[in-house]
């Protein structure tokens, strides 16, 4: 079933959204991107004459009630965005009466799902090494089913529009779907767009295909790198992992960030790229600093000849040119992870060069997908979000999808 085909009139829809938004010390939202992203789905239900039950998590309360993570803090903001006064259920597992009383056009938001350990389905207060852990895990799985069944009982249909949590088999993201038949569960608009964006990258590739992987560690990206190696024409590896590759090749990297236990892995990736005919682009030069701060003294040097006591904090001018050359003519582009410590204004040039090349390629007809928290923060910092094809809302979910893993939140709807 799709959201456009379903008849919501007179029905109650329970919708899993990702309203895990950042709050300041006064409990005010500092970035409402996730709320705005869910609005088309929520408004569709209301416009068609349905009633809405909204559910989400916030933060990591670890299965305990914690006022710091209460969704009551965002009720007014959601009401304002929806244009409807949102009611609030202070206990997500005891909201049957409030849900039953909902009339068409009305909205109820449930309290933080993660105040219950059953949402994540992990035993609380018992170590994995404890002999009783497996029994506790089994008992929790049964409790999770009951919790999911309770949530499902509030509504006639289920919509998952929380791509950011689609890689988790949680009660509200996957297990709940077992209590609705195929005609009464569907992906929301945001989820549909995210799944389509991933398909564009992995299944409907227009060539050349350039992937840019940044970040500090090779180890966290290895699964993605290996999956992409069979798909891409150009692979740019940048950011902190630059220095692991530089050291693996015999370079001097000063006190730059490095994974000493991944040097062989770095060499193996270089060999894999050669064997598969992939153009692997590594930064040949960098902007090194004598301190990890925006105001540090800097010098441009070879990424393999960084002086003692200095550390690489951004891609150098030659690296920026090489990155741009591998991006500008591409027709499919994936960017995950910055080229430097972009949080410091003096070390944004590498990431900006990537963003500008992606924008240029996109203007020339490329499909560009930006995903992973730092890349999104980066493109937003540069004010270039409207110059790329798609910005993903899901960090971990996007990365697992690109790694080729099945996402439980999607599979639960599609029956995969």
Protein backbone atom coordinates (compact mmCIF):
# COMPACT_ATOMS: atom_id res chain seq x y z
CA UNK A 1 0.00 0.00 0.00
CA UNK A 2 1.16 3.57 -0.68
CA UNK A 3 0.20 6.69 1.20
CA UNK A 4 -1.36 8.16 -1.97
CA UNK A 5 -3.64 5.14 -2.50
CA UNK A 6 -4.89 4.75 1.07
CA UNK A 7 -8.27 6.18 2.07
CA UNK A 8 -7.67 7.93 5.41
CA UNK A 9 -11.19 9.37 5.78
CA UNK A 10 -12.62 8.33 9.13
CA UNK A 11 -9.49 6.31 10.00
CA UNK A 12 -6.86 6.73 12.69
CA UNK A 13 -3.25 6.57 11.48
CA UNK A 14 -0.36 5.95 13.85
CA UNK A 15 2.75 7.51 12.32
CA UNK A 16 6.33 6.87 13.39
CA UNK A 17 8.26 10.08 12.82
CA UNK A 18 11.77 11.10 13.78
CA UNK A 19 11.24 14.12 16.02
CA UNK A 20 14.56 13.59 17.79
CA UNK A 21 15.30 17.29 17.36
CA UNK A 22 18.05 19.26 19.13
CA UNK A 23 16.90 21.39 22.05
CA UNK A 24 18.70 24.20 23.88
CA UNK A 25 18.87 24.52 27.67
CA UNK A 26 15.44 26.19 27.71
CA UNK A 27 13.93 23.23 25.88
CA UNK A 28 13.52 25.21 22.64
CA UNK A 29 14.13 23.55 19.26
CA UNK A 30 17.34 24.75 17.59
CA UNK A 31 16.82 22.91 14.28
CA UNK A 32 13.33 21.86 13.14
CA UNK A 33 14.44 20.14 9.91
CA UNK A 34 13.08 16.75 11.01
CA UNK A 35 9.69 18.16 11.93
CA UNK A 36 9.41 19.99 8.60
CA UNK A 37 10.44 16.81 6.80
CA UNK A 38 7.47 14.88 8.24
CA UNK A 39 4.83 17.54 7.53
CA UNK A 40 3.77 16.32 4.04
CA UNK A 41 2.87 12.88 5.44
CA UNK A 42 1.10 14.24 8.52
CA UNK A 43 -0.85 16.83 6.52
CA UNK A 44 -1.89 14.21 3.95
CA UNK A 45 -3.66 12.16 6.65
CA UNK A 46 -5.44 15.23 8.03
CA UNK A 47 -6.38 16.61 4.61
CA UNK A 48 -7.98 13.28 3.70
CA UNK A 49 -10.16 13.31 6.82
CA UNK A 50 -8.12 11.06 9.07
CA UNK A 51 -6.98 11.41 12.68
CA UNK A 52 -3.28 11.35 13.59
CA UNK A 53 -1.37 9.62 16.34
CA UNK A 54 2.26 10.74 16.23
CA UNK A 55 5.00 8.73 17.92
CA UNK A 56 8.75 9.31 18.17
CA UNK A 57 11.77 8.93 20.39
CA UNK A 58 14.03 11.69 21.66
CA UNK A 59 17.57 11.21 22.89
CA UNK A 60 18.75 8.14 24.78
CA UNK A 61 16.81 7.90 28.05
CA UNK A 62 17.74 4.19 28.27
CA UNK A 63 14.27 2.90 29.08
CA UNK A 64 13.60 5.33 31.91
CA UNK A 65 11.39 8.40 32.21
CA UNK A 66 13.57 11.51 31.94
CA UNK A 67 12.01 14.98 31.69
CA UNK A 68 15.01 16.19 29.68
CA UNK A 69 13.81 13.98 26.81
CA UNK A 70 10.08 14.56 27.09
CA UNK A 71 8.29 15.20 23.80
CA UNK A 72 5.96 17.55 25.69
CA UNK A 73 8.64 20.17 25.00
CA UNK A 74 7.91 20.15 21.26
CA UNK A 75 4.09 19.92 21.26
CA UNK A 76 3.62 23.67 20.70
CA UNK A 77 6.13 23.72 17.83
CA UNK A 78 4.48 20.75 16.12
CA UNK A 79 1.03 22.35 16.63
CA UNK A 80 2.28 25.52 14.99
CA UNK A 81 3.79 23.69 12.01
CA UNK A 82 0.73 21.47 11.49
CA UNK A 83 -1.78 24.25 12.03
CA UNK A 84 -3.69 21.99 14.44
CA UNK A 85 -3.67 21.94 18.25
CA UNK A 86 -1.78 18.76 19.13
CA UNK A 87 -3.00 16.81 22.17
CA UNK A 88 -0.41 15.02 24.31
CA UNK A 89 -0.46 11.56 25.90
CA UNK A 90 1.98 11.59 28.86
CA UNK A 91 2.43 7.79 28.72
CA UNK A 92 2.80 6.19 25.28
CA UNK A 93 1.69 2.77 26.56
CA UNK A 94 -1.42 4.10 28.29
CA UNK A 95 -2.97 6.21 25.58
CA UNK A 96 -5.86 3.96 24.48
CA UNK A 97 -8.54 6.25 25.86
CA UNK A 98 -7.06 9.39 24.30
CA UNK A 99 -6.60 7.60 20.96
CA UNK A 100 -10.15 6.25 20.97
CA UNK A 101 -11.55 9.75 21.56
CA UNK A 102 -9.76 11.24 18.53
CA UNK A 103 -12.04 12.70 15.85
CA UNK A 104 -11.14 13.24 12.17
CA UNK A 105 -8.70 16.13 11.85
CA UNK A 106 -7.43 15.78 15.42
CA UNK A 107 -3.86 14.98 16.46
CA UNK A 108 -2.41 13.14 19.46
CA UNK A 109 1.31 12.96 20.20
CA UNK A 110 2.58 10.12 22.39
CA UNK A 111 5.30 10.60 25.00
CA UNK A 112 8.84 9.44 24.19
CA UNK A 113 8.76 5.77 23.13
CA UNK A 114 12.20 5.15 24.62
CA UNK A 115 10.93 5.80 28.14
CA UNK A 116 10.03 2.11 27.80
CA UNK A 117 12.95 -0.36 27.33
CA UNK A 118 10.56 -2.43 25.18
CA UNK A 119 10.91 0.14 22.39
CA UNK A 120 14.54 -0.79 21.73
CA UNK A 121 14.03 -4.35 22.90
CA UNK A 122 17.24 -4.57 24.93
CA UNK A 123 17.42 -5.99 28.46
CA UNK A 124 18.16 -3.25 30.98
CA UNK A 125 20.49 -3.60 33.96
CA UNK A 126 22.08 -6.88 32.94
CA UNK A 127 25.49 -7.38 31.36
CA UNK A 128 25.87 -9.32 28.12
CA UNK A 129 28.39 -11.59 29.85
CA UNK A 130 25.87 -12.53 32.55
CA UNK A 131 24.69 -16.17 32.15
CA UNK A 132 21.11 -14.93 32.55
CA UNK A 133 21.42 -12.45 29.68
CA UNK A 134 19.98 -14.71 26.97
CA UNK A 135 16.90 -15.49 29.04
CA UNK A 136 16.47 -11.79 29.77
CA UNK A 137 16.81 -11.02 26.07
CA UNK A 138 14.16 -13.61 25.18
CA UNK A 139 11.79 -12.21 27.81
CA UNK A 140 12.37 -8.68 26.52
CA UNK A 141 11.51 -9.74 22.96
CA UNK A 142 8.15 -11.01 24.21
CA UNK A 143 7.60 -7.77 26.12
CA UNK A 144 8.51 -5.84 22.98
CA UNK A 145 5.79 -7.68 21.04
CA UNK A 146 3.20 -6.76 23.69
CA UNK A 147 4.36 -3.12 23.67
CA UNK A 148 4.12 -3.06 19.84
CA UNK A 149 0.66 -4.64 19.98
CA UNK A 150 -0.49 -1.92 22.39
CA UNK A 151 0.76 0.85 20.09
CA UNK A 152 -0.88 -0.83 17.09
CA UNK A 153 -4.20 -1.08 18.93
CA UNK A 154 -4.58 2.71 18.87
CA UNK A 155 -5.01 2.94 15.11
CA UNK A 156 -6.44 1.49 11.90
CA UNK A 157 -3.25 1.89 9.87
CA UNK A 158 0.49 2.38 10.37
CA UNK A 159 2.84 4.73 8.55
CA UNK A 160 6.61 4.68 9.00
CA UNK A 161 8.13 8.04 8.06
CA UNK A 162 11.24 7.83 10.29
CA UNK A 163 14.12 6.97 7.99
CA UNK A 164 16.63 8.00 10.66
CA UNK A 165 15.65 4.93 12.71
CA UNK A 166 14.84 2.55 9.83
CA UNK A 167 18.02 0.55 10.49
CA UNK A 168 16.76 -0.45 13.95
CA UNK A 169 14.31 -3.29 14.61
CA UNK A 170 12.54 -1.38 17.34
CA UNK A 171 8.94 -1.77 18.45
CA UNK A 172 7.71 1.36 16.66
CA UNK A 173 9.87 1.05 13.55
CA UNK A 174 9.44 -2.60 12.61
CA UNK A 175 7.72 -4.93 15.12
CA UNK A 176 4.48 -2.88 15.13
CA UNK A 177 4.09 -3.58 11.40
CA UNK A 178 3.37 -7.24 12.22
CA UNK A 179 0.01 -6.15 13.64
CA UNK A 180 -1.21 -4.55 10.39
CA UNK A 181 -1.91 -6.35 7.12
CA UNK A 182 -0.27 -5.25 3.87
CA UNK A 183 -3.21 -2.99 2.96
CA UNK A 184 -2.95 -1.02 6.20
CA UNK A 185 0.77 -0.24 6.49
CA UNK A 186 2.86 2.01 4.29
CA UNK A 187 5.90 4.25 4.03
CA UNK A 188 5.46 7.99 4.52
CA UNK A 189 6.54 10.52 1.89
CA UNK A 190 9.89 11.16 3.57
CA UNK A 191 10.69 7.44 3.73
CA UNK A 192 9.64 6.96 0.11
CA UNK A 193 12.01 9.75 -0.96
CA UNK A 194 14.87 8.34 1.11
CA UNK A 195 14.42 4.82 -0.29
CA UNK A 196 14.25 6.23 -3.83
CA UNK A 197 17.41 8.29 -3.26
CA UNK A 198 19.31 5.19 -2.12
CA UNK A 199 18.00 3.25 -5.14
CA UNK A 200 19.24 6.05 -7.41
CA UNK A 201 22.68 5.67 -5.88
CA UNK A 202 22.89 1.88 -5.81
CA UNK A 203 20.56 0.57 -8.51
CA UNK A 204 19.98 3.29 -11.08
CA UNK A 205 23.53 4.51 -11.53
CA UNK A 206 24.26 7.12 -14.21
CA UNK A 207 27.98 7.16 -14.92
CA UNK A 208 30.51 8.35 -14.01
CA UNK A 209 29.70 7.62 -10.34
CA UNK A 210 31.81 9.44 -7.73
CA UNK A 211 31.58 8.68 -4.01
CA UNK A 212 33.22 10.92 -1.43
CA UNK A 213 33.86 9.34 1.96
CA UNK A 214 35.22 11.56 4.71
CA UNK A 215 35.43 11.27 8.45
CA UNK A 216 38.12 10.40 10.93
CA UNK A 217 38.23 6.60 10.76
CA UNK A 218 38.62 4.06 7.99
CA UNK A 219 37.22 1.38 10.32
CA UNK A 220 33.76 2.95 10.55
CA UNK A 221 33.46 3.20 6.77
CA UNK A 222 35.05 -0.07 5.64
CA UNK A 223 31.75 -1.88 4.91
CA UNK A 224 30.56 1.04 2.81
CA UNK A 225 33.89 1.41 1.00
CA UNK A 226 33.91 -2.28 0.10
CA UNK A 227 30.31 -2.21 -1.15
CA UNK A 228 30.94 0.91 -3.21
CA UNK A 229 34.16 -0.46 -4.69
CA UNK A 230 32.11 -2.60 -7.09
CA UNK A 231 29.91 0.32 -8.12
CA UNK A 232 31.89 3.55 -8.35
CA UNK A 233 34.18 4.97 -11.00
CA UNK A 234 35.85 7.45 -8.63
CA UNK A 235 36.28 7.06 -4.88
CA UNK A 236 37.52 10.02 -2.86
CA UNK A 237 38.68 9.15 0.65
CA UNK A 238 39.34 12.24 2.71
CA UNK A 239 39.11 13.77 6.18
CA UNK A 240 40.96 12.20 9.09
CA UNK A 241 41.34 8.84 7.34
CA UNK A 242 43.78 10.57 4.93
CA UNK A 243 46.53 10.17 7.48
CA UNK A 244 46.01 6.46 8.04
CA UNK A 245 46.52 5.99 4.28
CA UNK A 246 49.51 8.35 4.27
CA UNK A 247 51.23 6.50 7.14
CA UNK A 248 50.43 3.12 5.54
CA UNK A 249 52.33 4.29 2.46
CA UNK A 250 55.37 5.19 4.52
CA UNK A 251 54.55 8.84 5.11
CA UNK A 252 55.34 11.02 8.12
CA UNK A 253 52.12 12.41 9.56
CA UNK A 254 53.24 14.31 12.67
CA UNK A 255 50.56 14.01 15.30
CA UNK A 256 47.66 13.72 12.87
CA UNK A 257 44.79 11.40 13.72
CA UNK A 258 45.61 7.81 12.69
CA UNK A 259 44.41 4.24 13.15
CA UNK A 260 47.67 2.36 13.57
CA UNK A 261 45.88 -0.98 13.58
CA UNK A 262 44.30 -0.27 10.17
CA UNK A 263 47.44 0.39 8.10
CA UNK A 264 47.21 -3.00 6.36
CA UNK A 265 43.53 -2.38 5.69
CA UNK A 266 44.40 0.94 4.04
CA UNK A 267 46.95 -0.76 1.77
CA UNK A 268 44.40 -3.44 0.94
CA UNK A 269 41.86 -0.77 -0.11
CA UNK A 270 44.47 0.79 -2.40
CA UNK A 271 45.12 -2.61 -4.00
CA UNK A 272 41.39 -3.35 -4.32
CA UNK A 273 40.86 -0.08 -6.16
CA UNK A 274 43.66 -0.91 -8.60
CA UNK A 275 42.32 -4.41 -9.20
CA UNK A 276 38.78 -3.14 -9.83
CA UNK A 277 39.82 -0.19 -12.00
CA UNK A 278 38.48 2.38 -9.53
CA UNK A 279 40.09 5.82 -9.56
CA UNK A 280 41.00 6.19 -5.86
CA UNK A 281 41.64 9.81 -4.95
CA UNK A 282 43.56 10.50 -1.75
CA UNK A 283 44.71 13.93 -0.60
CA UNK A 284 48.32 14.45 -1.63
CA UNK A 285 48.66 17.65 0.38
CA UNK A 286 47.03 19.07 3.47
CA UNK A 287 46.68 22.14 5.64
CA UNK A 288 48.59 21.28 8.80
CA UNK A 289 48.24 23.10 12.11
CA UNK A 290 50.38 23.32 15.24
CA UNK A 291 47.31 23.04 17.46
CA UNK A 292 43.76 21.67 17.21
CA UNK A 293 42.09 25.08 17.14
CA UNK A 294 40.71 27.58 14.65
CA UNK A 295 43.47 30.07 15.49
CA UNK A 296 46.40 27.67 15.13
CA UNK A 297 49.40 28.47 12.96
CA UNK A 298 49.11 26.66 9.61
CA UNK A 299 51.21 25.49 6.70
CA UNK A 300 50.49 23.59 3.50
CA UNK A 301 52.57 20.43 3.17
CA UNK A 302 52.52 16.98 1.67
CA UNK A 303 50.10 14.66 3.48
CA UNK A 304 53.06 12.28 3.71
CA UNK A 305 55.51 14.85 5.11
CA UNK A 306 53.83 16.59 8.02
CA UNK A 307 56.37 18.03 10.49
CA UNK A 308 56.62 16.60 14.00
CA UNK A 309 54.17 18.29 16.36
CA UNK A 310 51.85 19.35 13.53
CA UNK A 311 48.59 17.71 12.44
CA UNK A 312 46.58 17.70 9.22
CA UNK A 313 43.24 19.47 9.68
CA UNK A 314 42.10 20.04 6.08
CA UNK A 315 42.75 19.01 2.50
CA UNK A 316 45.37 21.14 0.73
CA UNK A 317 44.98 23.12 -2.53
CA UNK A 318 46.23 20.29 -4.78
CA UNK A 319 43.91 17.82 -3.07
CA UNK A 320 41.01 20.22 -3.55
CA UNK A 321 41.72 20.36 -7.30
CA UNK A 322 41.93 16.56 -7.51
CA UNK A 323 38.66 16.16 -5.63
CA UNK A 324 36.88 18.68 -7.85
CA UNK A 325 38.20 16.99 -11.01
CA UNK A 326 36.73 13.63 -9.91
CA UNK A 327 33.38 15.22 -9.05
CA UNK A 328 32.59 17.84 -11.65
CA UNK A 329 31.92 15.49 -14.58
CA UNK A 330 30.12 12.83 -12.52
CA UNK A 331 26.46 11.97 -13.13
CA UNK A 332 25.89 10.19 -9.80
CA UNK A 333 27.44 11.56 -6.59
CA UNK A 334 27.36 10.39 -2.99
CA UNK A 335 28.94 12.52 -0.25
CA UNK A 336 29.36 11.29 3.31
CA UNK A 337 31.83 13.02 5.59
CA UNK A 338 33.79 16.29 5.38
CA UNK A 339 37.35 16.75 4.11
CA UNK A 340 38.56 18.53 7.21
CA UNK A 341 37.62 20.01 10.56
CA UNK A 342 34.90 22.12 8.95
CA UNK A 343 33.60 23.22 12.37
CA UNK A 344 36.63 25.55 12.41
CA UNK A 345 36.09 28.30 9.83
CA UNK A 346 39.78 28.30 8.89
CA UNK A 347 39.65 24.63 7.89
CA UNK A 348 36.60 24.55 5.63
CA UNK A 349 38.32 24.98 2.24
CA UNK A 350 38.55 21.25 1.43
CA UNK A 351 34.92 20.57 2.25
CA UNK A 352 33.83 23.73 0.45
CA UNK A 353 35.71 22.66 -2.70
CA UNK A 354 33.80 19.36 -2.62
CA UNK A 355 30.46 21.13 -2.07
CA UNK A 356 31.07 23.58 -4.90
CA UNK A 357 32.06 20.80 -7.32
CA UNK A 358 28.95 18.81 -6.36
CA UNK A 359 26.74 21.88 -6.91
CA UNK A 360 28.32 22.43 -10.34
CA UNK A 361 27.85 18.78 -11.33
CA UNK A 362 24.25 18.84 -10.08
CA UNK A 363 23.54 21.94 -12.17
CA UNK A 364 24.85 19.93 -15.14
CA UNK A 365 22.37 17.11 -14.52
CA UNK A 366 24.03 14.86 -11.93
CA UNK A 367 22.06 13.20 -9.14
CA UNK A 368 23.76 14.13 -5.86
CA UNK A 369 22.95 12.58 -2.48
CA UNK A 370 24.34 14.12 0.69
CA UNK A 371 24.05 11.97 3.81
CA UNK A 372 25.44 11.53 7.27
CA UNK A 373 25.21 14.21 9.94
CA UNK A 374 28.48 16.02 9.30
CA UNK A 375 28.00 16.26 5.53
CA UNK A 376 24.53 17.69 6.03
CA UNK A 377 25.84 20.17 8.62
CA UNK A 378 28.59 21.04 6.16
CA UNK A 379 26.33 21.73 3.17
CA UNK A 380 24.02 23.75 5.42
CA UNK A 381 26.93 25.76 6.80
CA UNK A 382 27.89 26.70 3.25
CA UNK A 383 24.29 27.64 2.40
CA UNK A 384 24.28 25.20 -0.53
CA UNK A 385 21.50 22.79 0.48
CA UNK A 386 19.34 23.93 -2.42
CA UNK A 387 22.11 23.19 -4.94
CA UNK A 388 22.19 19.40 -4.49
CA UNK A 389 19.61 16.77 -5.47
CA UNK A 390 18.82 15.24 -2.11
CA UNK A 391 19.87 15.57 1.52
CA UNK A 392 19.22 12.45 3.60
CA UNK A 393 17.74 12.75 7.09
CA UNK A 394 19.16 9.41 8.19
CA UNK A 395 22.81 9.07 9.15
CA UNK A 396 23.14 5.47 10.33
CA UNK A 397 20.21 4.27 8.22
CA UNK A 398 21.64 5.77 5.05
CA UNK A 399 25.07 4.30 5.69
CA UNK A 400 23.68 0.83 6.34
CA UNK A 401 21.55 1.04 3.18
CA UNK A 402 24.62 2.03 1.15
CA UNK A 403 26.52 -0.80 2.78
CA UNK A 404 23.93 -3.08 1.19
CA UNK A 405 22.13 -4.04 4.41
CA UNK A 406 18.37 -4.55 4.56
CA UNK A 407 16.72 -1.89 6.71
CA UNK A 408 14.21 -3.47 9.14
CA UNK A 409 11.95 -0.40 9.04
CA UNK A 410 11.62 -0.66 5.26
CA UNK A 411 11.44 -4.47 5.13
CA UNK A 412 8.61 -4.50 7.71
CA UNK A 413 6.45 -2.47 5.32
CA UNK A 414 7.54 -3.96 2.00
CA UNK A 415 7.67 -7.53 3.26
CA UNK A 416 11.26 -7.99 2.07
